[in-house]
Amino acid sequence: MKQTEQKLRKILELTRTEWDRPTTRAAVRENFQRVCDCRTPVLGGEVYASASEEKVFYHTCKSKCCPSCGNRGTQLWQREQWCALPDIPFIGIVLTMPDVFWPIFRYHRHLQHDLPALGASILQYWAWKQYRVRLCVIVVQHTFGGRLNHNPHLHIMVSAGGLDDEQARWIQSINFAHGEIMALWRLAVTTYLEQALGSGLLNGGQLPRQFQKVIQHQAVRKWNIHITRVMSKFHFLGYAGRYIRRLPISQRRILRVSETEVVYQVKDTRAKAICETRSTPAKFAALMAEHVADRYRHSMRYFGLLSPRAKSENSEAVFQSLRQCKRARPQRIGWRNSLIRNFQTDPLRDSKGEPMEWARRLKPS
């Protein structure tokens, strides 16, 4: 992991003049700068010492674009959700849209922020209409495709059953109808774009010709959505953990970096294969910048029985209907224990195996 982190940092340092400018989005400048400063004297650090040695541990950046910090954030999230969620099966639903709409959401980023609520609302509406139940819904928003192109879509993790409030019982199994959910999602997106167009929220220079007719044409076509098989909570957390708090490319897929070229692997969805792609460092950094979330915008949101407002009220009812005991929130794992658990190494031991104690703090330079 250390080697790939250096490759990503090298790319950002090589292209600093491209992204570190006033015209760049503030979220991009902030996150890229934090990745470059991670574990360096710029952020300061802590000094630990034993009788014979001294070690300096520089602070981490906590950025979602940082491979190491993002991975740790994912692990902490998985641990917390394991205790917070009941032991029930889940379903994964992927909601996509036609490629003609991709540039619209790319140039109008404010529209992307409403997509998770749209996806969650159509699933909750369908479940209530068909079964009179409420669902546990977690929406992970994506902006990238297999080739790192801008492809906005949603990965939705939904409980395979639901809570029947009238009878105070948990419905164990729901048969999610592919065609009905696709039609609702299509109606929600096309209606949303029509309203945005009518309200003047879209820049006419960034729209296709006769955009109203384009929307009407897409409103009657078949859209691609995917519904997975039932998965366990353990499988669900592993599946969701691959898509949150990280850049859109796995760090091991950055193969080589030079001053003139970046070689990395992408996924060809049509051929169902991994292929190598080359670009300049500037183009690669610009590609990554498109997928950096704006500040105060979450890539993962909770709805239904897991929404912040309803969770405290319905959590006990869900566990009681399932006859399960709610787990206490786990204590946060410290950085030392995290390294011991994941890498079987104690950072606060010197070369002779002697324990080290905190000595002083280094100010950011």
Protein backbone atom coordinates (compact mmCIF):
# COMPACT_ATOMS: atom_id res chain seq x y z
CA MET A 1 0.00 0.00 0.00
CA LYS A 2 2.83 2.38 0.75
CA GLN A 3 4.16 2.14 -2.80
CA THR A 4 0.83 2.97 -4.41
CA GLU A 5 0.31 5.87 -2.05
CA GLN A 6 3.59 7.35 -3.22
CA LYS A 7 2.48 6.96 -6.83
CA LEU A 8 -0.72 8.88 -6.22
CA ARG A 9 1.10 11.57 -4.31
CA LYS A 10 3.69 11.81 -7.09
CA ILE A 11 0.94 12.37 -9.66
CA LEU A 12 -0.57 15.18 -7.60
CA GLU A 13 2.80 16.79 -6.99
CA LEU A 14 3.66 16.63 -10.69
CA THR A 15 0.38 18.33 -11.59
CA ARG A 16 0.18 20.87 -8.79
CA THR A 17 0.12 23.79 -11.23
CA GLU A 18 -2.92 22.24 -12.92
CA TRP A 19 -5.19 21.79 -9.88
CA ASP A 20 -3.81 24.26 -7.33
CA ARG A 21 -5.35 27.37 -8.87
CA PRO A 22 -8.28 29.66 -7.98
CA THR A 23 -10.48 28.32 -10.79
CA THR A 24 -10.37 24.78 -9.39
CA ARG A 25 -13.20 23.64 -7.11
CA ALA A 26 -12.38 24.25 -3.47
CA ALA A 27 -13.05 20.61 -2.54
CA VAL A 28 -10.53 19.41 -5.12
CA ARG A 29 -7.79 21.79 -3.98
CA GLU A 30 -8.37 20.99 -0.32
CA ASN A 31 -8.40 17.20 -0.70
CA PHE A 32 -5.49 17.00 -3.12
CA GLN A 33 -3.42 19.23 -0.86
CA ARG A 34 -4.23 17.06 2.15
CA VAL A 35 -3.16 13.93 0.28
CA CYS A 36 0.17 15.57 -0.54
CA ASP A 37 0.63 16.60 3.11
CA CYS A 38 -0.40 13.28 4.67
CA ARG A 39 2.24 11.90 7.04
CA THR A 40 4.62 14.79 6.40
CA PRO A 41 5.98 17.54 8.69
CA VAL A 42 3.43 19.91 7.15
CA LEU A 43 0.70 18.45 9.39
CA GLY A 44 2.88 18.11 12.46
CA GLY A 45 3.31 14.94 14.46
CA GLU A 46 3.87 13.14 17.74
CA VAL A 47 7.24 12.08 19.11
CA TYR A 48 7.58 8.86 21.11
CA ALA A 49 10.77 7.80 22.83
CA SER A 50 12.34 4.97 24.79
CA ALA A 51 15.57 4.95 26.74
CA SER A 52 17.65 4.53 23.59
CA GLU A 53 15.49 5.51 20.58
CA GLU A 54 13.05 8.10 19.34
CA LYS A 55 10.32 7.87 16.70
CA VAL A 56 8.30 10.56 14.94
CA PHE A 57 4.76 9.80 13.76
CA TYR A 58 3.41 12.51 11.48
CA HIS A 59 -0.32 13.21 11.48
CA THR A 60 -2.59 11.82 8.79
CA CYS A 61 -4.77 13.95 6.51
CA LYS A 62 -8.18 12.20 7.09
CA SER A 63 -9.10 12.88 3.46
CA LYS A 64 -11.45 10.54 1.58
CA CYS A 65 -9.11 10.85 -1.41
CA CYS A 66 -6.19 9.43 0.58
CA PRO A 67 -5.80 5.65 0.10
CA SER A 68 -4.66 4.98 3.66
CA CYS A 69 -7.02 7.36 5.47
CA GLY A 70 -9.96 6.36 3.29
CA ASN A 71 -9.33 2.68 3.96
CA ARG A 72 -9.21 3.27 7.71
CA GLY A 73 -12.44 5.26 7.53
CA THR A 74 -14.10 2.39 5.69
CA GLN A 75 -13.00 -0.12 8.31
CA LEU A 76 -14.34 2.04 11.12
CA TRP A 77 -17.65 2.46 9.28
CA GLN A 78 -17.97 -1.29 8.73
CA ARG A 79 -17.31 -1.95 12.41
CA GLU A 80 -19.93 0.57 13.53
CA GLN A 81 -22.55 -0.68 11.07
CA TRP A 82 -22.00 -4.28 12.14
CA CYS A 83 -23.20 -3.30 15.61
CA ALA A 84 -25.89 -0.84 14.52
CA LEU A 85 -27.65 -2.98 11.90
CA PRO A 86 -29.83 -5.95 12.79
CA ASP A 87 -28.85 -9.43 11.62
CA ILE A 88 -30.98 -9.51 8.49
CA PRO A 89 -30.31 -10.20 4.79
CA PHE A 90 -29.90 -7.34 2.32
CA ILE A 91 -30.41 -6.70 -1.39
CA GLY A 92 -28.17 -4.59 -3.62
CA ILE A 93 -29.89 -2.44 -6.26
CA VAL A 94 -27.93 -0.47 -8.88
CA LEU A 95 -29.86 2.37 -10.54
CA THR A 96 -28.31 3.74 -13.73
CA MET A 97 -29.44 6.23 -16.38
CA PRO A 98 -28.90 6.67 -20.15
CA ASP A 99 -25.54 8.11 -21.17
CA VAL A 100 -27.22 11.14 -22.76
CA PHE A 101 -27.91 12.41 -19.23
CA TRP A 102 -24.36 11.96 -17.94
CA PRO A 103 -23.02 15.32 -19.20
CA ILE A 104 -26.04 17.10 -17.73
CA PHE A 105 -25.14 15.99 -14.22
CA ARG A 106 -21.45 16.54 -14.88
CA TYR A 107 -21.86 20.23 -15.75
CA HIS A 108 -24.62 20.78 -13.18
CA ARG A 109 -23.15 19.21 -10.07
CA HIS A 110 -25.91 20.60 -7.86
CA LEU A 111 -28.34 18.19 -9.54
CA GLN A 112 -26.31 15.17 -8.42
CA HIS A 113 -26.99 15.94 -4.77
CA ASP A 114 -30.68 15.06 -5.18
CA LEU A 115 -30.18 11.66 -6.84
CA PRO A 116 -29.82 9.64 -3.58
CA ALA A 117 -33.12 11.02 -2.28
CA LEU A 118 -34.81 10.20 -5.59
CA GLY A 119 -33.55 6.62 -5.57
CA ALA A 120 -34.49 6.01 -1.95
CA SER A 121 -37.94 7.58 -2.36
CA ILE A 122 -39.00 5.34 -5.25
CA LEU A 123 -37.95 2.19 -3.34
CA GLN A 124 -39.78 3.28 -0.19
CA TYR A 125 -42.85 4.20 -2.23
CA TRP A 126 -42.86 0.85 -4.03
CA ALA A 127 -42.39 -1.16 -0.80
CA TRP A 128 -45.17 0.74 0.96
CA LYS A 129 -47.55 0.40 -1.97
CA GLN A 130 -46.94 -3.33 -2.43
CA TYR A 131 -46.31 -4.57 1.12
CA ARG A 132 -47.15 -1.69 3.49
CA VAL A 133 -43.68 -1.93 5.04
CA ARG A 134 -40.79 0.40 5.68
CA LEU A 135 -37.25 -0.48 4.62
CA CYS A 136 -33.68 0.02 5.80
CA VAL A 137 -32.03 1.95 2.96
CA ILE A 138 -28.40 3.00 2.48
CA VAL A 139 -27.54 4.86 -0.73
CA VAL A 140 -23.97 5.05 -2.04
CA GLN A 141 -23.65 7.62 -4.81
CA HIS A 142 -21.22 6.99 -7.67
CA THR A 143 -20.01 9.34 -10.35
CA PHE A 144 -17.66 7.03 -12.23
CA GLY A 145 -17.82 4.12 -14.63
CA GLY A 146 -15.38 1.32 -15.40
CA ARG A 147 -13.12 3.64 -17.42
CA LEU A 148 -13.30 6.39 -14.78
CA ASN A 149 -15.62 8.39 -17.03
CA HIS A 150 -18.36 10.48 -15.46
CA ASN A 151 -21.26 8.05 -15.07
CA PRO A 152 -23.63 9.06 -12.23
CA HIS A 153 -25.52 6.13 -10.73
CA LEU A 154 -26.60 4.78 -7.36
CA HIS A 155 -25.67 1.67 -5.40
CA ILE A 156 -28.52 1.11 -2.96
CA MET A 157 -28.33 -1.39 -0.10
CA VAL A 158 -31.85 -2.21 1.07
CA SER A 159 -33.12 -4.70 3.61
CA ALA A 160 -34.59 -7.85 2.08
CA GLY A 161 -37.58 -7.44 4.43
CA GLY A 162 -39.46 -4.58 6.02
CA LEU A 163 -41.24 -3.41 9.15
CA ASP A 164 -45.03 -3.63 9.19
CA ASP A 165 -46.04 -0.86 11.60
CA GLU A 166 -49.71 -1.85 11.79
CA GLN A 167 -49.03 -5.40 12.94
CA ALA A 168 -45.73 -4.57 14.65
CA ARG A 169 -43.92 -7.39 12.90
CA TRP A 170 -41.06 -7.84 10.46
CA ILE A 171 -41.86 -9.11 6.97
CA GLN A 172 -38.97 -11.47 6.24
CA SER A 173 -38.96 -11.54 2.44
CA ILE A 174 -39.85 -9.03 -0.27
CA ASN A 175 -39.79 -9.81 -3.98
CA PHE A 176 -38.39 -6.66 -5.60
CA ALA A 177 -40.02 -6.29 -9.03
CA HIS A 178 -37.36 -5.31 -11.57
CA GLY A 179 -39.72 -3.77 -14.11
CA GLU A 180 -41.75 -1.73 -11.64
CA ILE A 181 -38.68 -0.31 -9.91
CA MET A 182 -37.09 0.55 -13.26
CA ALA A 183 -40.22 2.41 -14.36
CA LEU A 184 -40.39 4.39 -11.12
CA TRP A 185 -36.70 5.33 -11.31
CA ARG A 186 -37.09 6.39 -14.96
CA LEU A 187 -40.12 8.51 -14.11
CA ALA A 188 -38.36 10.14 -11.15
CA VAL A 189 -35.24 11.16 -13.12
CA THR A 190 -37.04 12.39 -16.24
CA THR A 191 -39.56 14.36 -14.18
CA TYR A 192 -36.75 15.86 -12.12
CA LEU A 193 -34.89 17.00 -15.25
CA GLU A 194 -38.06 18.46 -16.77
CA GLN A 195 -38.70 20.46 -13.62
CA ALA A 196 -35.06 21.65 -13.51
CA LEU A 197 -35.32 22.71 -17.15
CA GLY A 198 -38.60 24.54 -16.57
CA SER A 199 -37.23 26.30 -13.47
CA GLY A 200 -34.20 27.61 -15.33
CA LEU A 201 -31.69 25.63 -13.28
CA LEU A 202 -29.88 24.30 -16.35
CA ASN A 203 -27.34 26.13 -18.47
CA GLY A 204 -28.64 26.11 -22.03
CA GLY A 205 -25.11 26.07 -23.45
CA GLN A 206 -24.44 22.68 -21.84
CA LEU A 207 -27.64 20.99 -23.02
CA PRO A 208 -28.26 18.84 -26.11
CA ARG A 209 -30.39 20.29 -28.85
CA GLN A 210 -34.12 20.02 -28.20
CA PHE A 211 -33.47 18.70 -24.72
CA GLN A 212 -37.18 18.49 -23.95
CA LYS A 213 -37.63 15.93 -26.75
CA VAL A 214 -34.56 14.04 -25.53
CA ILE A 215 -36.18 13.68 -22.11
CA GLN A 216 -39.47 12.53 -23.63
CA HIS A 217 -37.65 9.94 -25.74
CA GLN A 218 -35.73 8.54 -22.77
CA ALA A 219 -38.91 8.44 -20.68
CA VAL A 220 -40.27 5.55 -22.76
CA ARG A 221 -37.05 3.55 -23.26
CA LYS A 222 -35.94 0.66 -21.10
CA TRP A 223 -33.30 1.64 -18.56
CA ASN A 224 -30.70 -0.68 -17.12
CA ILE A 225 -30.92 -1.45 -13.42
CA HIS A 226 -29.52 -4.40 -11.53
CA ILE A 227 -30.88 -6.23 -8.50
CA THR A 228 -28.52 -8.63 -6.74
CA ARG A 229 -29.33 -11.80 -4.93
CA VAL A 230 -29.96 -11.82 -1.20
CA MET A 231 -26.74 -11.28 0.73
CA SER A 232 -25.81 -11.58 4.38
CA LYS A 233 -24.96 -8.58 6.52
CA PHE A 234 -21.28 -9.57 6.40
CA HIS A 235 -21.35 -9.73 2.59
CA PHE A 236 -23.32 -6.50 2.45
CA LEU A 237 -20.76 -4.56 4.51
CA GLY A 238 -17.93 -5.89 2.36
CA TYR A 239 -19.80 -4.98 -0.83
CA ALA A 240 -20.64 -1.47 0.34
CA GLY A 241 -17.15 -0.90 1.72
CA ARG A 242 -15.65 -1.10 -1.76
CA TYR A 243 -17.45 2.04 -2.88
CA ILE A 244 -17.10 4.56 -0.06
CA ARG A 245 -14.42 6.92 1.22
CA ARG A 246 -11.96 6.43 -1.61
CA LEU A 247 -11.03 7.53 -5.11
CA PRO A 248 -12.71 5.76 -8.04
CA ILE A 249 -9.62 3.69 -8.89
CA SER A 250 -8.04 1.03 -6.73
CA GLN A 251 -4.53 2.12 -5.86
CA ARG A 252 -2.98 -1.15 -6.98
CA ARG A 253 -4.21 -0.38 -10.50
CA ILE A 254 -1.83 2.56 -10.83
CA LEU A 255 1.02 0.66 -12.47
CA ARG A 256 3.63 3.25 -13.44
CA VAL A 257 4.08 6.98 -13.03
CA SER A 258 6.56 9.22 -14.80
CA GLU A 259 6.75 12.92 -15.55
CA THR A 260 5.08 12.37 -18.92
CA GLU A 261 2.86 9.31 -18.52
CA VAL A 262 0.61 7.45 -16.10
CA VAL A 263 -0.17 3.79 -16.80
CA TYR A 264 -3.19 2.40 -14.98
CA GLN A 265 -5.80 -0.33 -15.31
CA VAL A 266 -9.47 0.22 -16.09
CA LYS A 267 -12.44 -2.09 -16.41
CA ASP A 268 -13.91 -2.75 -19.83
CA THR A 269 -17.52 -3.58 -18.96
CA ARG A 270 -18.40 -4.76 -22.46
CA ALA A 271 -15.45 -7.13 -22.80
CA LYS A 272 -15.57 -7.92 -19.06
CA ALA A 273 -11.82 -7.55 -18.80
CA ILE A 274 -9.16 -5.35 -17.21
CA CYS A 275 -7.08 -3.38 -19.69
CA GLU A 276 -4.21 -0.91 -19.43
CA THR A 277 -4.70 2.76 -20.24
CA ARG A 278 -2.18 5.55 -20.62
CA SER A 279 -2.57 9.27 -20.07
CA THR A 280 -0.56 12.28 -19.05
CA PRO A 281 -0.36 13.07 -15.33
CA ALA A 282 -2.40 16.24 -15.93
CA LYS A 283 -5.25 14.34 -17.61
CA PHE A 284 -5.23 11.70 -14.89
CA ALA A 285 -5.42 14.33 -12.14
CA ALA A 286 -8.26 16.08 -14.00
CA LEU A 287 -10.06 12.74 -14.26
CA MET A 288 -9.75 12.20 -10.50
CA ALA A 289 -10.85 15.77 -9.77
CA GLU A 290 -14.26 15.17 -11.37
CA HIS A 291 -15.08 12.52 -8.76
CA VAL A 292 -14.07 14.47 -5.64
CA ALA A 293 -17.24 15.16 -3.68
CA ASP A 294 -18.05 18.74 -2.76
CA ARG A 295 -17.59 19.80 0.81
CA TYR A 296 -20.41 18.80 3.19
CA ARG A 297 -21.69 16.33 0.59
CA HIS A 298 -21.77 12.72 1.67
CA SER A 299 -21.17 9.85 -0.72
CA MET A 300 -23.31 7.64 1.51
CA ARG A 301 -26.75 8.56 2.91
CA TYR A 302 -29.36 6.81 5.04
CA PHE A 303 -33.11 6.65 4.48
CA GLY A 304 -36.18 4.81 5.71
CA LEU A 305 -35.71 3.09 9.04
CA LEU A 306 -32.05 4.19 9.05
CA SER A 307 -32.66 7.90 8.45
CA PRO A 308 -31.25 10.13 11.21
CA ARG A 309 -34.72 11.26 12.29
CA ALA A 310 -36.36 7.84 12.27
CA LYS A 311 -33.44 5.73 13.50
CA SER A 312 -33.74 6.67 17.16
CA GLU A 313 -37.51 6.17 17.12
CA ASN A 314 -37.68 2.92 15.13
CA SER A 315 -34.47 1.18 16.11
CA GLU A 316 -35.98 -0.48 19.16
CA ALA A 317 -39.10 -1.48 17.22
CA VAL A 318 -37.01 -3.15 14.51
CA PHE A 319 -34.94 -5.18 16.96
CA GLN A 320 -37.99 -6.16 18.99
CA SER A 321 -39.89 -7.34 15.91
CA LEU A 322 -36.87 -9.45 14.97
CA ARG A 323 -36.39 -10.65 18.57
CA GLN A 324 -32.79 -9.53 18.53
CA CYS A 325 -30.72 -7.59 21.05
CA LYS A 326 -29.30 -4.28 19.96
CA ARG A 327 -25.53 -4.11 20.21
CA ALA A 328 -23.75 -1.26 21.93
CA ARG A 329 -21.78 1.14 19.78
CA PRO A 330 -18.18 -0.10 19.59
CA GLN A 331 -15.33 1.94 20.95
CA ARG A 332 -13.20 3.59 18.32
CA ILE A 333 -10.00 1.68 17.54
CA GLY A 334 -6.87 3.74 18.14
CA TRP A 335 -4.16 3.98 15.52
CA ARG A 336 -1.79 1.78 17.51
CA ASN A 337 -4.29 -1.05 17.98
CA SER A 338 -5.32 -0.73 14.35
CA LEU A 339 -1.74 -1.32 13.19
CA ILE A 340 -1.36 -4.24 15.56
CA ARG A 341 -4.56 -5.87 14.32
CA ASN A 342 -4.05 -5.29 10.59
CA PHE A 343 -0.27 -5.51 10.22
CA GLN A 344 0.81 -7.44 13.36
CA THR A 345 3.31 -4.75 14.27
CA ASP A 346 3.46 -2.53 17.35
CA PRO A 347 4.62 0.95 16.35
CA LEU A 348 5.38 1.90 19.97
CA ARG A 349 8.16 -0.64 20.32
CA ASP A 350 11.75 0.29 19.48
CA SER A 351 14.20 -1.95 17.64
CA LYS A 352 15.03 -3.76 20.91
CA GLY A 353 11.38 -4.42 21.73
CA GLU A 354 11.28 -1.85 24.53
CA PRO A 355 8.08 0.20 25.00
CA MET A 356 8.04 3.83 23.92
CA GLU A 357 6.22 6.69 25.63
CA TRP A 358 4.88 9.95 24.29
CA ALA A 359 7.56 12.66 24.52
CA ARG A 360 6.39 15.80 22.73
CA ARG A 361 4.35 17.17 19.86
CA LEU A 362 5.68 18.71 16.66
CA LYS A 363 3.85 21.74 15.36
CA PRO A 364 2.80 21.86 11.71
CA SER A 365 5.62 23.29 9.61
